Amino acid sequence: MAFSSKRAWLALALAVAAVVATPCAAQNSAQVFVNLHNKERAAVGVGKVAAYAQSYAAQRQGDCALRHSTNSRTARTSTWAAPARPGRRRTP
């Protein structure tokens, strides 16, 4: 009976370790993505994405208006949605 109890505790300890380790790996994946992104930016001669984001935020701090970059050397991801019309439901 004691042997079975030890196995149960071991299984529980392994499960807890797996649960704790999973978020740690997820946190690293964001940094890996940023590092790869910065590597590609460097390949085309532009600075790190954090420096660009800080510069953009400083420019927009007065009006908070979304402005698209005029720099053709960098790509951007943006979305556009038409305003909802009366009687029409917007989909999420």
C-alpha atoms as a PDB file:
ATOM      1  CA  MET A   1       0.000   0.000   0.000  1.00  0.00           C
ATOM      2  CA  ALA A   2       2.867   2.386   0.816  1.00  0.00           C
ATOM      3  CA  PHE A   3       4.426   1.798  -2.593  1.00  0.00           C
ATOM      4  CA  SER A   4       1.193   2.795  -4.320  1.00  0.00           C
ATOM      5  CA  SER A   5       0.980   5.948  -2.209  1.00  0.00           C
ATOM      6  CA  LYS A   6       4.548   6.893  -3.170  1.00  0.00           C
ATOM      7  CA  ARG A   7       3.688   6.508  -6.846  1.00  0.00           C
ATOM      8  CA  ALA A   8       0.661   8.727  -6.419  1.00  0.00           C
ATOM      9  CA  TRP A   9       2.772  11.437  -4.775  1.00  0.00           C
ATOM     10  CA  LEU A  10       5.397  11.122  -7.500  1.00  0.00           C
ATOM     11  CA  ALA A  11       2.741  11.416 -10.190  1.00  0.00           C
ATOM     12  CA  LEU A  12       1.314  14.479  -8.461  1.00  0.00           C
ATOM     13  CA  ALA A  13       4.762  16.073  -8.177  1.00  0.00           C
ATOM     14  CA  LEU A  14       5.448  15.457 -11.869  1.00  0.00           C
ATOM     15  CA  ALA A  15       2.082  16.922 -12.831  1.00  0.00           C
ATOM     16  CA  VAL A  16       2.730  20.052 -10.756  1.00  0.00           C
ATOM     17  CA  ALA A  17       6.197  20.406 -12.300  1.00  0.00           C
ATOM     18  CA  ALA A  18       4.712  20.146 -15.792  1.00  0.00           C
ATOM     19  CA  VAL A  19       2.082  22.780 -15.023  1.00  0.00           C
ATOM     20  CA  VAL A  20       4.694  25.150 -13.599  1.00  0.00           C
ATOM     21  CA  ALA A  21       7.109  24.628 -16.507  1.00  0.00           C
ATOM     22  CA  THR A  22       4.520  25.282 -19.227  1.00  0.00           C
ATOM     23  CA  PRO A  23       4.011  29.020 -18.547  1.00  0.00           C
ATOM     24  CA  CYS A  24       7.775  29.462 -18.355  1.00  0.00           C
ATOM     25  CA  ALA A  25       8.138  28.078 -21.866  1.00  0.00           C
ATOM     26  CA  ALA A  26       5.284  30.258 -23.109  1.00  0.00           C
ATOM     27  CA  GLN A  27       6.984  33.375 -21.769  1.00  0.00           C
ATOM     28  CA  ASN A  28      10.146  32.493 -23.646  1.00  0.00           C
ATOM     29  CA  SER A  29       8.324  32.099 -26.960  1.00  0.00           C
ATOM     30  CA  ALA A  30       7.397  35.804 -27.060  1.00  0.00           C
ATOM     31  CA  GLN A  31      11.031  36.781 -26.584  1.00  0.00           C
ATOM     32  CA  VAL A  32      12.095  34.293 -29.257  1.00  0.00           C
ATOM     33  CA  PHE A  33       9.588  35.905 -31.637  1.00  0.00           C
ATOM     34  CA  VAL A  34      10.895  39.411 -30.874  1.00  0.00           C
ATOM     35  CA  ASN A  35      14.492  38.267 -31.312  1.00  0.00           C
ATOM     36  CA  LEU A  36      13.712  36.738 -34.705  1.00  0.00           C
ATOM     37  CA  HIS A  37      11.768  39.848 -35.708  1.00  0.00           C
ATOM     38  CA  ASN A  38      14.697  42.077 -34.735  1.00  0.00           C
ATOM     39  CA  LYS A  39      17.071  39.840 -36.690  1.00  0.00           C
ATOM     40  CA  GLU A  40      14.983  40.319 -39.838  1.00  0.00           C
ATOM     41  CA  ARG A  41      14.745  44.076 -39.211  1.00  0.00           C
ATOM     42  CA  ALA A  42      18.534  44.255 -38.895  1.00  0.00           C
ATOM     43  CA  ALA A  43      18.891  42.401 -42.200  1.00  0.00           C
ATOM     44  CA  VAL A  44      17.099  45.257 -43.985  1.00  0.00           C
ATOM     45  CA  GLY A  45      18.895  47.973 -42.042  1.00  0.00           C
ATOM     46  CA  VAL A  46      16.253  49.132 -39.574  1.00  0.00           C
ATOM     47  CA  GLY A  47      16.470  49.287 -35.782  1.00  0.00           C
ATOM     48  CA  LYS A  48      14.923  47.053 -33.163  1.00  0.00           C
ATOM     49  CA  VAL A  49      11.157  46.939 -32.886  1.00  0.00           C
ATOM     50  CA  ALA A  50      11.208  48.234 -29.272  1.00  0.00           C
ATOM     51  CA  ALA A  51      13.080  51.376 -30.340  1.00  0.00           C
ATOM     52  CA  TYR A  52      10.601  51.932 -33.167  1.00  0.00           C
ATOM     53  CA  ALA A  53       7.634  51.430 -30.835  1.00  0.00           C
ATOM     54  CA  GLN A  54       9.046  53.893 -28.300  1.00  0.00           C
ATOM     55  CA  SER A  55       9.654  56.469 -31.025  1.00  0.00           C
ATOM     56  CA  TYR A  56       6.134  56.019 -32.380  1.00  0.00           C
ATOM     57  CA  ALA A  57       4.625  56.336 -28.894  1.00  0.00           C
ATOM     58  CA  ALA A  58       6.581  59.549 -28.270  1.00  0.00           C
ATOM     59  CA  GLN A  59       5.266  61.023 -31.532  1.00  0.00           C
ATOM     60  CA  ARG A  60       1.671  60.105 -30.713  1.00  0.00           C
ATOM     61  CA  GLN A  61       1.626  61.064 -27.025  1.00  0.00           C
ATOM     62  CA  GLY A  62       0.055  64.441 -27.754  1.00  0.00           C
ATOM     63  CA  ASP A  63      -2.899  63.309 -29.847  1.00  0.00           C
ATOM     64  CA  CYS A  64      -3.065  59.481 -29.596  1.00  0.00           C
ATOM     65  CA  ALA A  65      -4.016  59.412 -33.285  1.00  0.00           C
ATOM     66  CA  LEU A  66      -3.229  56.291 -35.286  1.00  0.00           C
ATOM     67  CA  ARG A  67      -0.891  57.243 -38.099  1.00  0.00           C
ATOM     68  CA  HIS A  68       0.524  54.822 -40.616  1.00  0.00           C
ATOM     69  CA  SER A  69       4.239  54.802 -41.190  1.00  0.00           C
ATOM     70  CA  THR A  70       5.475  56.397 -44.386  1.00  0.00           C
ATOM     71  CA  ASN A  71       8.637  54.302 -44.202  1.00  0.00           C
ATOM     72  CA  SER A  72       8.403  51.897 -47.127  1.00  0.00           C
ATOM     73  CA  ARG A  73      11.268  49.764 -45.748  1.00  0.00           C
ATOM     74  CA  THR A  74       9.167  48.357 -42.924  1.00  0.00           C
ATOM     75  CA  ALA A  75       5.896  46.502 -43.064  1.00  0.00           C
ATOM     76  CA  ARG A  76       3.019  46.993 -40.683  1.00  0.00           C
ATOM     77  CA  THR A  77       0.016  45.056 -39.587  1.00  0.00           C
ATOM     78  CA  SER A  78      -3.184  47.013 -39.265  1.00  0.00           C
ATOM     79  CA  THR A  79      -6.870  46.339 -39.471  1.00  0.00           C
ATOM     80  CA  TRP A  80      -9.785  48.407 -40.593  1.00  0.00           C
ATOM     81  CA  ALA A  81     -13.437  47.959 -39.827  1.00  0.00           C
ATOM     82  CA  ALA A  82     -16.382  49.908 -41.147  1.00  0.00           C
ATOM     83  CA  PRO A  83     -18.621  51.515 -38.545  1.00  0.00           C
ATOM     84  CA  ALA A  84     -21.715  49.563 -37.615  1.00  0.00           C
ATOM     85  CA  ARG A  85     -24.835  50.549 -39.521  1.00  0.00           C
ATOM     86  CA  PRO A  86     -28.221  50.824 -37.843  1.00  0.00           C
ATOM     87  CA  GLY A  87     -30.007  47.487 -37.985  1.00  0.00           C
ATOM     88  CA  ARG A  88     -26.840  45.533 -38.737  1.00  0.00           C
ATOM     89  CA  ARG A  89     -25.048  43.425 -36.218  1.00  0.00           C
ATOM     90  CA  ARG A  90     -21.272  43.570 -36.019  1.00  0.00           C
ATOM     91  CA  THR A  91     -19.496  40.268 -35.829  1.00  0.00           C
ATOM     92  CA  PRO A  92     -16.627  39.948 -33.372  1.00  0.00           C
END
